[in-house]
Amino acid sequence: MALTVVAALDELGISRTTIVVTFAILLGGVVTAAAIAIGLGARDLARDLLQSQFRPKVRPEAEDPLRHL
């Protein structure tokens, strides 16, 4: 299908550079939209991961009868 469209545009006299630039812009838009969708979808996962990595570790203090010394 895409090859047919490219061949038709080439026959109409539209330059290959214009076709390549248009394709690059469309592909860039799709990739940007996918990146935003994945970023917004994984927001909670990223927050939980960062919180677990940077949250201070709580050490349980054992009962030590000689601690006061």
C-alpha atoms as a PDB file:
ATOM      1  CA  MET A   1       0.000   0.000   0.000  1.00  0.00           C
ATOM      2  CA  ALA A   2       2.724   2.476   0.990  1.00  0.00           C
ATOM      3  CA  LEU A   3       4.759   1.550  -2.060  1.00  0.00           C
ATOM      4  CA  THR A   4       1.743   2.260  -4.253  1.00  0.00           C
ATOM      5  CA  VAL A   5       1.252   5.665  -2.679  1.00  0.00           C
ATOM      6  CA  VAL A   6       4.941   6.515  -3.126  1.00  0.00           C
ATOM      7  CA  ALA A   7       4.832   5.412  -6.759  1.00  0.00           C
ATOM      8  CA  ALA A   8       1.691   7.474  -7.401  1.00  0.00           C
ATOM      9  CA  LEU A   9       3.201  10.573  -5.787  1.00  0.00           C
ATOM     10  CA  ASP A  10       6.373  10.085  -7.818  1.00  0.00           C
ATOM     11  CA  GLU A  11       4.305   9.919 -11.004  1.00  0.00           C
ATOM     12  CA  LEU A  12       2.505  13.118 -10.016  1.00  0.00           C
ATOM     13  CA  GLY A  13       5.846  14.879  -9.896  1.00  0.00           C
ATOM     14  CA  ILE A  14       6.148  15.247  -6.152  1.00  0.00           C
ATOM     15  CA  SER A  15       9.814  14.959  -5.304  1.00  0.00           C
ATOM     16  CA  ARG A  16      11.230  12.115  -3.259  1.00  0.00           C
ATOM     17  CA  THR A  17      12.627  14.576  -0.723  1.00  0.00           C
ATOM     18  CA  THR A  18       9.141  15.857   0.017  1.00  0.00           C
ATOM     19  CA  ILE A  19       7.873  12.309   0.445  1.00  0.00           C
ATOM     20  CA  VAL A  20      10.737  11.377   2.773  1.00  0.00           C
ATOM     21  CA  VAL A  21      10.312  14.525   4.871  1.00  0.00           C
ATOM     22  CA  THR A  22       6.554  13.970   5.138  1.00  0.00           C
ATOM     23  CA  PHE A  23       7.074  10.353   6.158  1.00  0.00           C
ATOM     24  CA  ALA A  24       9.673  11.383   8.754  1.00  0.00           C
ATOM     25  CA  ILE A  25       7.334  13.973  10.248  1.00  0.00           C
ATOM     26  CA  LEU A  26       4.466  11.494  10.453  1.00  0.00           C
ATOM     27  CA  LEU A  27       6.661   8.790  11.956  1.00  0.00           C
ATOM     28  CA  GLY A  28       8.086  11.275  14.459  1.00  0.00           C
ATOM     29  CA  GLY A  29       4.555  12.238  15.491  1.00  0.00           C
ATOM     30  CA  VAL A  30       3.560   8.620  16.026  1.00  0.00           C
ATOM     31  CA  VAL A  31       6.693   7.893  18.053  1.00  0.00           C
ATOM     32  CA  THR A  32       6.201  11.019  20.170  1.00  0.00           C
ATOM     33  CA  ALA A  33       2.567  10.098  20.840  1.00  0.00           C
ATOM     34  CA  ALA A  34       3.586   6.575  21.858  1.00  0.00           C
ATOM     35  CA  ALA A  35       6.308   7.917  24.166  1.00  0.00           C
ATOM     36  CA  ILE A  36       3.860  10.261  25.890  1.00  0.00           C
ATOM     37  CA  ALA A  37       1.266   7.494  26.262  1.00  0.00           C
ATOM     38  CA  ILE A  38       3.799   5.070  27.742  1.00  0.00           C
ATOM     39  CA  GLY A  39       5.211   7.780  30.002  1.00  0.00           C
ATOM     40  CA  LEU A  40       1.808   8.690  31.381  1.00  0.00           C
ATOM     41  CA  GLY A  41       0.815   5.042  31.728  1.00  0.00           C
ATOM     42  CA  ALA A  42       3.960   4.091  33.640  1.00  0.00           C
ATOM     43  CA  ARG A  43       3.894   7.121  35.928  1.00  0.00           C
ATOM     44  CA  ASP A  44       2.754   5.144  38.975  1.00  0.00           C
ATOM     45  CA  LEU A  45       5.246   2.364  38.327  1.00  0.00           C
ATOM     46  CA  ALA A  46       8.129   4.842  38.059  1.00  0.00           C
ATOM     47  CA  ARG A  47       7.043   6.642  41.243  1.00  0.00           C
ATOM     48  CA  ASP A  48       6.869   3.381  43.206  1.00  0.00           C
ATOM     49  CA  LEU A  49      10.267   2.285  41.912  1.00  0.00           C
ATOM     50  CA  LEU A  50      11.924   5.581  42.828  1.00  0.00           C
ATOM     51  CA  GLN A  51      10.306   5.673  46.247  1.00  0.00           C
ATOM     52  CA  SER A  52      11.476   2.160  47.031  1.00  0.00           C
ATOM     53  CA  GLN A  53      15.032   3.014  45.972  1.00  0.00           C
ATOM     54  CA  PHE A  54      15.369   6.303  47.857  1.00  0.00           C
ATOM     55  CA  ARG A  55      13.189   5.721  50.924  1.00  0.00           C
ATOM     56  CA  PRO A  56      15.326   5.560  54.064  1.00  0.00           C
ATOM     57  CA  LYS A  57      15.697   2.029  55.337  1.00  0.00           C
ATOM     58  CA  VAL A  58      14.151   1.488  58.748  1.00  0.00           C
ATOM     59  CA  ARG A  59      16.275  -0.766  60.914  1.00  0.00           C
ATOM     60  CA  PRO A  60      14.484  -2.558  63.693  1.00  0.00           C
ATOM     61  CA  GLU A  61      16.316  -1.893  66.911  1.00  0.00           C
ATOM     62  CA  ALA A  62      16.933  -5.028  68.910  1.00  0.00           C
ATOM     63  CA  GLU A  63      16.531  -5.059  72.645  1.00  0.00           C
ATOM     64  CA  ASP A  64      20.030  -4.685  74.046  1.00  0.00           C
ATOM     65  CA  PRO A  65      20.257  -4.899  77.822  1.00  0.00           C
ATOM     66  CA  LEU A  66      23.685  -3.207  77.805  1.00  0.00           C
ATOM     67  CA  ARG A  67      22.743  -0.304  75.549  1.00  0.00           C
ATOM     68  CA  HIS A  68      22.850   2.252  78.355  1.00  0.00           C
ATOM     69  CA  LEU A  69      26.556   1.591  78.964  1.00  0.00           C
END
